[in-house]
PDB file of all heavy atoms in Angstrom:
ATOM      1  N   GLN A   1     -89.567 153.568   6.731  1.00  0.00           N
ATOM      2  CA  GLN A   1     -89.640 152.196   7.217  1.00  0.00           C
ATOM      3  C   GLN A   1     -89.808 152.202   8.740  1.00  0.00           C
ATOM      4  O   GLN A   1     -88.923 152.651   9.476  1.00  0.00           O
ATOM      5  CB  GLN A   1     -88.379 151.437   6.824  1.00  0.00           C
ATOM      6  CG  GLN A   1     -88.173 151.345   5.318  1.00  0.00           C
ATOM      7  CD  GLN A   1     -86.919 150.581   4.946  1.00  0.00           C
ATOM      8  OE1 GLN A   1     -86.424 149.771   5.724  1.00  0.00           O
ATOM      9  NE2 GLN A   1     -86.396 150.852   3.765  1.00  0.00           N
ATOM     10  N   SER A   2     -90.966 151.683   9.201  1.00  0.00           N
ATOM     11  CA  SER A   2     -91.287 151.767  10.621  1.00  0.00           C
ATOM     12  C   SER A   2     -90.301 150.999  11.491  1.00  0.00           C
ATOM     13  O   SER A   2     -89.942 151.467  12.587  1.00  0.00           O
ATOM     14  CB  SER A   2     -92.707 151.242  10.870  1.00  0.00           C
ATOM     15  OG  SER A   2     -92.838 149.901  10.403  1.00  0.00           O
ATOM     16  N   LEU A   3     -89.838 149.841  11.033  1.00  0.00           N
ATOM     17  CA  LEU A   3     -88.874 149.076  11.825  1.00  0.00           C
ATOM     18  C   LEU A   3     -87.551 149.817  11.946  1.00  0.00           C
ATOM     19  O   LEU A   3     -86.904 149.797  13.000  1.00  0.00           O
ATOM     20  CB  LEU A   3     -88.652 147.693  11.198  1.00  0.00           C
ATOM     21  CG  LEU A   3     -89.782 146.681  11.386  1.00  0.00           C
ATOM     22  CD1 LEU A   3     -89.458 145.375  10.662  1.00  0.00           C
ATOM     23  CD2 LEU A   3     -90.033 146.415  12.862  1.00  0.00           C
ATOM     24  N   GLN A   4     -87.143 150.476  10.859  1.00  0.00           N
ATOM     25  CA  GLN A   4     -85.910 151.260  10.885  1.00  0.00           C
ATOM     26  C   GLN A   4     -86.040 152.403  11.883  1.00  0.00           C
ATOM     27  O   GLN A   4     -85.130 152.669  12.680  1.00  0.00           O
ATOM     28  CB  GLN A   4     -85.617 151.815   9.488  1.00  0.00           C
ATOM     29  CG  GLN A   4     -84.374 152.674   9.382  1.00  0.00           C
ATOM     30  CD  GLN A   4     -83.102 151.859   9.384  1.00  0.00           C
ATOM     31  OE1 GLN A   4     -83.080 150.736   8.909  1.00  0.00           O
ATOM     32  NE2 GLN A   4     -82.025 152.423   9.919  1.00  0.00           N
ATOM     33  N   ARG A   5     -87.190 153.097  11.873  1.00  0.00           N
ATOM     34  CA  ARG A   5     -87.407 154.204  12.801  1.00  0.00           C
ATOM     35  C   ARG A   5     -87.413 153.712  14.247  1.00  0.00           C
ATOM     36  O   ARG A   5     -86.817 154.324  15.126  1.00  0.00           O
ATOM     37  CB  ARG A   5     -88.734 154.922  12.506  1.00  0.00           C
ATOM     38  CG  ARG A   5     -88.770 155.692  11.208  1.00  0.00           C
ATOM     39  CD  ARG A   5     -89.882 156.750  11.219  1.00  0.00           C
ATOM     40  NE  ARG A   5     -91.144 156.256  11.732  1.00  0.00           N
ATOM     41  CZ  ARG A   5     -92.041 155.608  10.989  1.00  0.00           C
ATOM     42  NH1 ARG A   5     -91.795 155.368   9.709  1.00  0.00           N
ATOM     43  NH2 ARG A   5     -93.191 155.214  11.515  1.00  0.00           N
ATOM     44  N   MET A   6     -88.105 152.587  14.465  1.00  0.00           N
ATOM     45  CA  MET A   6     -88.198 152.071  15.826  1.00  0.00           C
ATOM     46  C   MET A   6     -86.828 151.676  16.363  1.00  0.00           C
ATOM     47  O   MET A   6     -86.473 151.996  17.497  1.00  0.00           O
ATOM     48  CB  MET A   6     -89.135 150.854  15.870  1.00  0.00           C
ATOM     49  CG  MET A   6     -89.306 150.259  17.270  1.00  0.00           C
ATOM     50  SD  MET A   6     -90.494 148.885  17.317  1.00  0.00           S
ATOM     51  CE  MET A   6     -89.593 147.654  16.343  1.00  0.00           C
ATOM     52  N   GLY A   7     -86.043 150.981  15.532  1.00  0.00           N
ATOM     53  CA  GLY A   7     -84.719 150.562  15.958  1.00  0.00           C
ATOM     54  C   GLY A   7     -83.816 151.740  16.256  1.00  0.00           C
ATOM     55  O   GLY A   7     -83.096 151.752  17.271  1.00  0.00           O
ATOM     56  N   THR A   8     -83.864 152.745  15.397  1.00  0.00           N
ATOM     57  CA  THR A   8     -83.041 153.933  15.606  1.00  0.00           C
ATOM     58  C   THR A   8     -83.471 154.686  16.849  1.00  0.00           C
ATOM     59  O   THR A   8     -82.640 155.127  17.648  1.00  0.00           O
ATOM     60  CB  THR A   8     -83.130 154.870  14.379  1.00  0.00           C
ATOM     61  OG1 THR A   8     -82.694 154.165  13.217  1.00  0.00           O
ATOM     62  CG2 THR A   8     -82.249 156.094  14.575  1.00  0.00           C
ATOM     63  N   ARG A   9     -84.807 154.816  17.028  1.00  0.00           N
ATOM     64  CA  ARG A   9     -85.317 155.531  18.199  1.00  0.00           C
ATOM     65  C   ARG A   9     -84.913 154.837  19.495  1.00  0.00           C
ATOM     66  O   ARG A   9     -84.456 155.486  20.445  1.00  0.00           O
ATOM     67  CB  ARG A   9     -86.841 155.636  18.127  1.00  0.00           C
ATOM     68  CG  ARG A   9     -87.455 156.401  19.302  1.00  0.00           C
ATOM     69  CD  ARG A   9     -88.963 156.463  19.215  1.00  0.00           C
ATOM     70  NE  ARG A   9     -89.577 155.165  19.408  1.00  0.00           N
ATOM     71  CZ  ARG A   9     -90.212 154.475  18.468  1.00  0.00           C
ATOM     72  NH1 ARG A   9     -90.325 154.983  17.240  1.00  0.00           N
ATOM     73  NH2 ARG A   9     -90.747 153.301  18.725  1.00  0.00           N
ATOM     74  N   MET A  10     -85.041 153.517  19.544  1.00  0.00           N
ATOM     75  CA  MET A  10     -84.689 152.767  20.750  1.00  0.00           C
ATOM     76  C   MET A  10     -83.206 152.873  21.057  1.00  0.00           C
ATOM     77  O   MET A  10     -82.789 153.027  22.210  1.00  0.00           O
ATOM     78  CB  MET A  10     -85.105 151.306  20.594  1.00  0.00           C
ATOM     79  CG  MET A  10     -86.607 151.090  20.546  1.00  0.00           C
ATOM     80  SD  MET A  10     -87.065 149.353  20.264  1.00  0.00           S
ATOM     81  CE  MET A  10     -86.390 148.600  21.753  1.00  0.00           C
ATOM     82  N   PHE A  11     -82.401 152.808  19.996  1.00  0.00           N
ATOM     83  CA  PHE A  11     -80.952 152.904  20.185  1.00  0.00           C
ATOM     84  C   PHE A  11     -80.561 154.274  20.724  1.00  0.00           C
ATOM     85  O   PHE A  11     -79.808 154.391  21.693  1.00  0.00           O
ATOM     86  CB  PHE A  11     -80.246 152.630  18.855  1.00  0.00           C
ATOM     87  CG  PHE A  11     -78.777 152.916  18.873  1.00  0.00           C
ATOM     88  CD1 PHE A  11     -77.910 152.178  19.676  1.00  0.00           C
ATOM     89  CD2 PHE A  11     -78.244 153.943  18.087  1.00  0.00           C
ATOM     90  CE1 PHE A  11     -76.545 152.444  19.697  1.00  0.00           C
ATOM     91  CE2 PHE A  11     -76.888 154.207  18.100  1.00  0.00           C
ATOM     92  CZ  PHE A  11     -76.038 153.457  18.911  1.00  0.00           C
ATOM     93  N   LEU A  12     -81.095 155.331  20.122  1.00  0.00           N
ATOM     94  CA  LEU A  12     -80.728 156.681  20.541  1.00  0.00           C
ATOM     95  C   LEU A  12     -81.283 157.023  21.923  1.00  0.00           C
ATOM     96  O   LEU A  12     -80.659 157.779  22.680  1.00  0.00           O
ATOM     97  CB  LEU A  12     -81.237 157.700  19.513  1.00  0.00           C
ATOM     98  CG  LEU A  12     -80.614 157.612  18.117  1.00  0.00           C
ATOM     99  CD1 LEU A  12     -81.243 158.649  17.194  1.00  0.00           C
ATOM    100  CD2 LEU A  12     -79.111 157.810  18.187  1.00  0.00           C
ATOM    101  N   ALA A  13     -82.458 156.462  22.251  1.00  0.00           N
ATOM    102  CA  ALA A  13     -83.078 156.773  23.538  1.00  0.00           C
ATOM    103  C   ALA A  13     -82.241 156.282  24.718  1.00  0.00           C
ATOM    104  O   ALA A  13     -82.403 156.784  25.839  1.00  0.00           O
ATOM    105  CB  ALA A  13     -84.472 156.157  23.606  1.00  0.00           C
ATOM    106  N   HIS A  14     -81.356 155.342  24.474  1.00  0.00           N
ATOM    107  CA  HIS A  14     -80.521 154.806  25.550  1.00  0.00           C
ATOM    108  C   HIS A  14     -79.243 155.626  25.759  1.00  0.00           C
ATOM    109  O   HIS A  14     -78.446 155.308  26.640  1.00  0.00           O
ATOM    110  CB  HIS A  14     -80.156 153.343  25.259  1.00  0.00           C
ATOM    111  CG  HIS A  14     -81.270 152.376  25.549  1.00  0.00           C
ATOM    112  ND1 HIS A  14     -82.282 152.131  24.652  1.00  0.00           N
ATOM    113  CD2 HIS A  14     -81.539 151.630  26.654  1.00  0.00           C
ATOM    114  CE1 HIS A  14     -83.115 151.252  25.186  1.00  0.00           C
ATOM    115  NE2 HIS A  14     -82.697 150.933  26.395  1.00  0.00           N
ATOM    116  N   GLN A  15     -79.054 156.673  24.955  1.00  0.00           N
ATOM    117  CA  GLN A  15     -77.873 157.522  25.104  1.00  0.00           C
ATOM    118  C   GLN A  15     -78.190 158.665  26.071  1.00  0.00           C
ATOM    119  O   GLN A  15     -79.202 159.347  25.921  1.00  0.00           O
ATOM    120  CB  GLN A  15     -77.440 158.085  23.737  1.00  0.00           C
ATOM    121  CG  GLN A  15     -77.315 157.038  22.643  1.00  0.00           C
ATOM    122  CD  GLN A  15     -76.404 155.886  23.024  1.00  0.00           C
ATOM    123  OE1 GLN A  15     -75.299 156.109  23.547  1.00  0.00           O
ATOM    124  NE2 GLN A  15     -76.822 154.665  22.747  1.00  0.00           N
ATOM    125  N   GLU A  16     -77.341 158.852  27.040  1.00  0.00           N
ATOM    126  CA  GLU A  16     -77.600 159.843  28.085  1.00  0.00           C
ATOM    127  C   GLU A  16     -77.669 161.274  27.549  1.00  0.00           C
ATOM    128  O   GLU A  16     -78.379 162.117  28.107  1.00  0.00           O
ATOM    129  CB  GLU A  16     -76.530 159.756  29.169  1.00  0.00           C
ATOM    130  CG  GLU A  16     -76.566 158.445  29.967  1.00  0.00           C
ATOM    131  CD  GLU A  16     -75.546 158.434  31.079  1.00  0.00           C
ATOM    132  OE1 GLU A  16     -74.772 159.417  31.178  1.00  0.00           O
ATOM    133  OE2 GLU A  16     -75.519 157.455  31.848  1.00  0.00           O
ATOM    134  N   ASP A  17     -76.919 161.557  26.495  1.00  0.00           N
ATOM    135  CA  ASP A  17     -76.848 162.936  26.000  1.00  0.00           C
ATOM    136  C   ASP A  17     -77.725 163.179  24.779  1.00  0.00           C
ATOM    137  O   ASP A  17     -77.617 164.221  24.130  1.00  0.00           O
ATOM    138  CB  ASP A  17     -75.398 163.303  25.677  1.00  0.00           C
ATOM    139  CG  ASP A  17     -74.798 162.385  24.616  1.00  0.00           C
ATOM    140  OD1 ASP A  17     -75.291 161.252  24.452  1.00  0.00           O
ATOM    141  OD2 ASP A  17     -73.822 162.803  23.959  1.00  0.00           O
ATOM    142  N   ILE A  18     -78.602 162.223  24.447  1.00  0.00           N
ATOM    143  CA  ILE A  18     -79.466 162.374  23.275  1.00  0.00           C
ATOM    144  C   ILE A  18     -80.918 162.152  23.675  1.00  0.00           C
ATOM    145  O   ILE A  18     -81.251 161.178  24.357  1.00  0.00           O
ATOM    146  CB  ILE A  18     -79.083 161.378  22.158  1.00  0.00           C
ATOM    147  CG1 ILE A  18     -77.671 161.680  21.643  1.00  0.00           C
ATOM    148  CG2 ILE A  18     -80.088 161.447  21.001  1.00  0.00           C
ATOM    149  CD1 ILE A  18     -77.174 160.700  20.600  1.00  0.00           C
ATOM    150  N   GLU A  19     -81.791 163.048  23.236  1.00  0.00           N
ATOM    151  CA  GLU A  19     -83.225 162.920  23.490  1.00  0.00           C
ATOM    152  C   GLU A  19     -83.967 162.910  22.154  1.00  0.00           C
ATOM    153  O   GLU A  19     -83.799 163.820  21.336  1.00  0.00           O
ATOM    154  CB  GLU A  19     -83.731 164.088  24.340  1.00  0.00           C
ATOM    155  CG  GLU A  19     -85.230 164.022  24.625  1.00  0.00           C
ATOM    156  CD  GLU A  19     -85.744 165.232  25.378  1.00  0.00           C
ATOM    157  OE1 GLU A  19     -84.938 166.158  25.633  1.00  0.00           O
ATOM    158  OE2 GLU A  19     -86.941 165.263  25.706  1.00  0.00           O
ATOM    159  N   VAL A  20     -84.757 161.883  21.918  1.00  0.00           N
ATOM    160  CA  VAL A  20     -85.566 161.787  20.702  1.00  0.00           C
ATOM    161  C   VAL A  20     -86.885 162.498  20.961  1.00  0.00           C
ATOM    162  O   VAL A  20     -87.660 162.091  21.834  1.00  0.00           O
ATOM    163  CB  VAL A  20     -85.817 160.315  20.315  1.00  0.00           C
ATOM    164  CG1 VAL A  20     -86.677 160.252  19.044  1.00  0.00           C
ATOM    165  CG2 VAL A  20     -84.501 159.572  20.109  1.00  0.00           C
ATOM    166  N   ILE A  21     -87.159 163.554  20.198  1.00  0.00           N
ATOM    167  CA  ILE A  21     -88.358 164.355  20.469  1.00  0.00           C
ATOM    168  C   ILE A  21     -89.419 164.226  19.377  1.00  0.00           C
ATOM    169  O   ILE A  21     -90.495 164.818  19.483  1.00  0.00           O
ATOM    170  CB  ILE A  21     -88.000 165.846  20.657  1.00  0.00           C
ATOM    171  CG1 ILE A  21     -87.347 166.408  19.392  1.00  0.00           C
ATOM    172  CG2 ILE A  21     -87.105 166.019  21.866  1.00  0.00           C
ATOM    173  CD1 ILE A  21     -87.087 167.907  19.487  1.00  0.00           C
ATOM    174  N   GLY A  22     -89.130 163.458  18.322  1.00  0.00           N
ATOM    175  CA  GLY A  22     -90.121 163.296  17.265  1.00  0.00           C
ATOM    176  C   GLY A  22     -89.641 162.363  16.179  1.00  0.00           C
ATOM    177  O   GLY A  22     -88.459 162.033  16.115  1.00  0.00           O
ATOM    178  N   GLU A  23     -90.580 161.915  15.338  1.00  0.00           N
ATOM    179  CA  GLU A  23     -90.231 161.082  14.196  1.00  0.00           C
ATOM    180  C   GLU A  23     -91.281 161.276  13.116  1.00  0.00           C
ATOM    181  O   GLU A  23     -92.399 161.735  13.393  1.00  0.00           O
ATOM    182  CB  GLU A  23     -90.130 159.613  14.591  1.00  0.00           C
ATOM    183  CG  GLU A  23     -91.415 159.007  15.129  1.00  0.00           C
ATOM    184  CD  GLU A  23     -91.234 157.538  15.473  1.00  0.00           C
ATOM    185  OE1 GLU A  23     -90.688 157.251  16.561  1.00  0.00           O
ATOM    186  OE2 GLU A  23     -91.639 156.685  14.657  1.00  0.00           O
ATOM    187  N   ALA A  24     -90.928 160.918  11.890  1.00  0.00           N
ATOM    188  CA  ALA A  24     -91.842 161.092  10.767  1.00  0.00           C
ATOM    189  C   ALA A  24     -91.609 159.984   9.748  1.00  0.00           C
ATOM    190  O   ALA A  24     -90.515 159.428   9.662  1.00  0.00           O
ATOM    191  CB  ALA A  24     -91.633 162.456  10.114  1.00  0.00           C
ATOM    192  N   SER A  25     -92.650 159.663   8.981  1.00  0.00           N
ATOM    193  CA  SER A  25     -92.567 158.591   7.998  1.00  0.00           C
ATOM    194  C   SER A  25     -92.422 159.098   6.571  1.00  0.00           C
ATOM    195  O   SER A  25     -92.277 158.315   5.640  1.00  0.00           O
ATOM    196  CB  SER A  25     -93.803 157.692   8.099  1.00  0.00           C
ATOM    197  OG  SER A  25     -94.984 158.441   7.843  1.00  0.00           O
ATOM    198  N   ASN A  26     -92.484 160.411   6.378  1.00  0.00           N
ATOM    199  CA  ASN A  26     -92.292 160.968   5.035  1.00  0.00           C
ATOM    200  C   ASN A  26     -91.753 162.391   5.151  1.00  0.00           C
ATOM    201  O   ASN A  26     -91.713 162.972   6.238  1.00  0.00           O
ATOM    202  CB  ASN A  26     -93.594 160.941   4.226  1.00  0.00           C
ATOM    203  CG  ASN A  26     -94.724 161.705   4.897  1.00  0.00           C
ATOM    204  OD1 ASN A  26     -94.616 162.902   5.155  1.00  0.00           O
ATOM    205  ND2 ASN A  26     -95.824 161.016   5.203  1.00  0.00           N
ATOM    206  N   GLY A  27     -91.356 162.941   4.024  1.00  0.00           N
ATOM    207  CA  GLY A  27     -90.723 164.251   4.018  1.00  0.00           C
ATOM    208  C   GLY A  27     -91.611 165.370   4.511  1.00  0.00           C
ATOM    209  O   GLY A  27     -91.158 166.264   5.243  1.00  0.00           O
ATOM    210  N   ALA A  28     -92.887 165.338   4.128  1.00  0.00           N
ATOM    211  CA  ALA A  28     -93.816 166.405   4.553  1.00  0.00           C
ATOM    212  C   ALA A  28     -93.956 166.414   6.066  1.00  0.00           C
ATOM    213  O   ALA A  28     -93.967 167.478   6.698  1.00  0.00           O
ATOM    214  CB  ALA A  28     -95.173 166.211   3.874  1.00  0.00           C
ATOM    215  N   GLN A  29     -94.087 165.222   6.655  1.00  0.00           N
ATOM    216  CA  GLN A  29     -94.180 165.139   8.115  1.00  0.00           C
ATOM    217  C   GLN A  29     -92.888 165.617   8.775  1.00  0.00           C
ATOM    218  O   GLN A  29     -92.918 166.256   9.826  1.00  0.00           O
ATOM    219  CB  GLN A  29     -94.471 163.703   8.541  1.00  0.00           C
ATOM    220  CG  GLN A  29     -95.868 163.213   8.218  1.00  0.00           C
ATOM    221  CD  GLN A  29     -96.088 161.778   8.681  1.00  0.00           C
ATOM    222  OE1 GLN A  29     -95.236 161.188   9.336  1.00  0.00           O
ATOM    223  NE2 GLN A  29     -97.242 161.216   8.320  1.00  0.00           N
TER     224      GLN A  29
END
C-alpha cells in the first residue's frame, strides 16, 4: 500500500537515529 509506505517513510525519516534507505511494494522487490 503506497500510502502506508509513504506515511511510514515520512515518520521514520524525522527520527535522528533512523535512516530510510529503500522501500518495496512486494516481496520480490
